[in-house]
Amino acid sequence: MRSPYSCTAPRPHPGDRIVRAFGPLKPHARSVLAWVLRCAERAGERRTLAQLGDWQLRDIGISRADADDEAAKPCWRV
């Protein structure tokens, strides 16, 4: 009995079905990943801002109240 797969035709890979099913999600996954990375960066910057001393804040022209308000924001708020 002959194999249904010829020598010239590649055998289907089991993961091909998954790639076809989730292929349209790739652009959305990239945008979600970019959003998550921006949130992580913003959260780190706000943590650093909260740790600055009063003289450092004065040096960059930000009051302690403004720094505390910015540091208290959740990462998804701009």
C-alpha atoms as a PDB file:
ATOM      1  CA  MET A   1       0.000   0.000   0.000  1.00  0.00           C
ATOM      2  CA  ARG A   2       1.274   3.445  -0.903  1.00  0.00           C
ATOM      3  CA  SER A   3       1.627   6.174   1.644  1.00  0.00           C
ATOM      4  CA  PRO A   4      -0.743   9.134   1.194  1.00  0.00           C
ATOM      5  CA  TYR A   5       2.336  11.348   1.440  1.00  0.00           C
ATOM      6  CA  SER A   6       4.532  11.427  -1.620  1.00  0.00           C
ATOM      7  CA  CYS A   7       8.248  12.043  -1.419  1.00  0.00           C
ATOM      8  CA  THR A   8       7.894  15.496  -2.951  1.00  0.00           C
ATOM      9  CA  ALA A   9       4.980  16.833  -0.918  1.00  0.00           C
ATOM     10  CA  PRO A  10       5.793  17.919   2.630  1.00  0.00           C
ATOM     11  CA  ARG A  11       3.940  16.204   5.423  1.00  0.00           C
ATOM     12  CA  PRO A  12       1.494  18.424   7.287  1.00  0.00           C
ATOM     13  CA  HIS A  13       2.819  19.520  10.651  1.00  0.00           C
ATOM     14  CA  PRO A  14       0.456  19.018  13.620  1.00  0.00           C
ATOM     15  CA  GLY A  15       0.947  22.654  14.654  1.00  0.00           C
ATOM     16  CA  ASP A  16      -0.195  23.980  11.263  1.00  0.00           C
ATOM     17  CA  ARG A  17      -3.830  23.846  12.345  1.00  0.00           C
ATOM     18  CA  ILE A  18      -3.012  25.954  15.402  1.00  0.00           C
ATOM     19  CA  VAL A  19      -1.101  28.500  13.336  1.00  0.00           C
ATOM     20  CA  ARG A  20      -4.013  28.818  10.903  1.00  0.00           C
ATOM     21  CA  ALA A  21      -6.520  29.151  13.738  1.00  0.00           C
ATOM     22  CA  PHE A  22      -4.582  31.812  15.672  1.00  0.00           C
ATOM     23  CA  GLY A  23      -2.842  33.533  12.763  1.00  0.00           C
ATOM     24  CA  PRO A  24      -5.332  36.442  12.649  1.00  0.00           C
ATOM     25  CA  LEU A  25      -4.626  37.173  16.322  1.00  0.00           C
ATOM     26  CA  LYS A  26      -0.940  37.973  15.746  1.00  0.00           C
ATOM     27  CA  PRO A  27      -1.385  41.735  15.140  1.00  0.00           C
ATOM     28  CA  HIS A  28      -3.613  41.987  18.208  1.00  0.00           C
ATOM     29  CA  ALA A  29      -1.148  40.019  20.312  1.00  0.00           C
ATOM     30  CA  ARG A  30       1.628  42.404  19.275  1.00  0.00           C
ATOM     31  CA  SER A  31      -0.418  45.451  20.224  1.00  0.00           C
ATOM     32  CA  VAL A  32      -1.355  43.921  23.582  1.00  0.00           C
ATOM     33  CA  LEU A  33       2.299  43.096  24.253  1.00  0.00           C
ATOM     34  CA  ALA A  34       3.310  46.656  23.345  1.00  0.00           C
ATOM     35  CA  TRP A  35       0.665  48.010  25.734  1.00  0.00           C
ATOM     36  CA  VAL A  36       1.882  45.754  28.548  1.00  0.00           C
ATOM     37  CA  LEU A  37       5.475  46.872  27.981  1.00  0.00           C
ATOM     38  CA  ARG A  38       4.439  50.552  28.005  1.00  0.00           C
ATOM     39  CA  CYS A  39       2.539  49.974  31.261  1.00  0.00           C
ATOM     40  CA  ALA A  40       5.566  48.284  32.826  1.00  0.00           C
ATOM     41  CA  GLU A  41       7.848  51.127  31.746  1.00  0.00           C
ATOM     42  CA  ARG A  42       5.418  53.753  33.043  1.00  0.00           C
ATOM     43  CA  ALA A  43       5.094  51.926  36.386  1.00  0.00           C
ATOM     44  CA  GLY A  44       8.893  51.817  36.748  1.00  0.00           C
ATOM     45  CA  GLU A  45       9.201  55.521  35.984  1.00  0.00           C
ATOM     46  CA  ARG A  46       6.524  56.337  38.560  1.00  0.00           C
ATOM     47  CA  ARG A  47       8.262  54.180  41.171  1.00  0.00           C
ATOM     48  CA  THR A  48      11.509  56.028  40.486  1.00  0.00           C
ATOM     49  CA  LEU A  49       9.750  59.399  40.677  1.00  0.00           C
ATOM     50  CA  ALA A  50       8.274  58.470  44.070  1.00  0.00           C
ATOM     51  CA  GLN A  51      11.765  57.653  45.375  1.00  0.00           C
ATOM     52  CA  LEU A  52      13.353  60.966  44.384  1.00  0.00           C
ATOM     53  CA  GLY A  53      14.335  63.339  47.152  1.00  0.00           C
ATOM     54  CA  ASP A  54      12.932  66.843  47.550  1.00  0.00           C
ATOM     55  CA  TRP A  55      16.080  68.497  46.185  1.00  0.00           C
ATOM     56  CA  GLN A  56      15.993  66.201  43.109  1.00  0.00           C
ATOM     57  CA  LEU A  57      12.373  67.094  42.474  1.00  0.00           C
ATOM     58  CA  ARG A  58      13.164  70.805  42.820  1.00  0.00           C
ATOM     59  CA  ASP A  59      16.036  70.324  40.399  1.00  0.00           C
ATOM     60  CA  ILE A  60      13.677  69.002  37.702  1.00  0.00           C
ATOM     61  CA  GLY A  61      10.937  71.498  38.572  1.00  0.00           C
ATOM     62  CA  ILE A  62       8.348  69.167  40.114  1.00  0.00           C
ATOM     63  CA  SER A  63       6.725  69.641  43.498  1.00  0.00           C
ATOM     64  CA  ARG A  64       6.421  66.772  45.979  1.00  0.00           C
ATOM     65  CA  ALA A  65       2.610  66.901  45.646  1.00  0.00           C
ATOM     66  CA  ASP A  66       2.810  66.606  41.843  1.00  0.00           C
ATOM     67  CA  ALA A  67       5.268  63.711  42.128  1.00  0.00           C
ATOM     68  CA  ASP A  68       3.035  61.912  44.640  1.00  0.00           C
ATOM     69  CA  ASP A  69      -0.026  62.435  42.427  1.00  0.00           C
ATOM     70  CA  GLU A  70       1.807  61.046  39.394  1.00  0.00           C
ATOM     71  CA  ALA A  71       3.224  58.094  41.350  1.00  0.00           C
ATOM     72  CA  ALA A  72      -0.236  57.187  42.659  1.00  0.00           C
ATOM     73  CA  LYS A  73      -1.689  56.760  39.150  1.00  0.00           C
ATOM     74  CA  PRO A  74      -2.215  53.209  37.883  1.00  0.00           C
ATOM     75  CA  CYS A  75       0.110  52.180  35.074  1.00  0.00           C
ATOM     76  CA  TRP A  76      -2.583  52.312  32.379  1.00  0.00           C
ATOM     77  CA  ARG A  77      -3.354  56.016  32.993  1.00  0.00           C
ATOM     78  CA  VAL A  78      -1.305  58.502  31.027  1.00  0.00           C
END
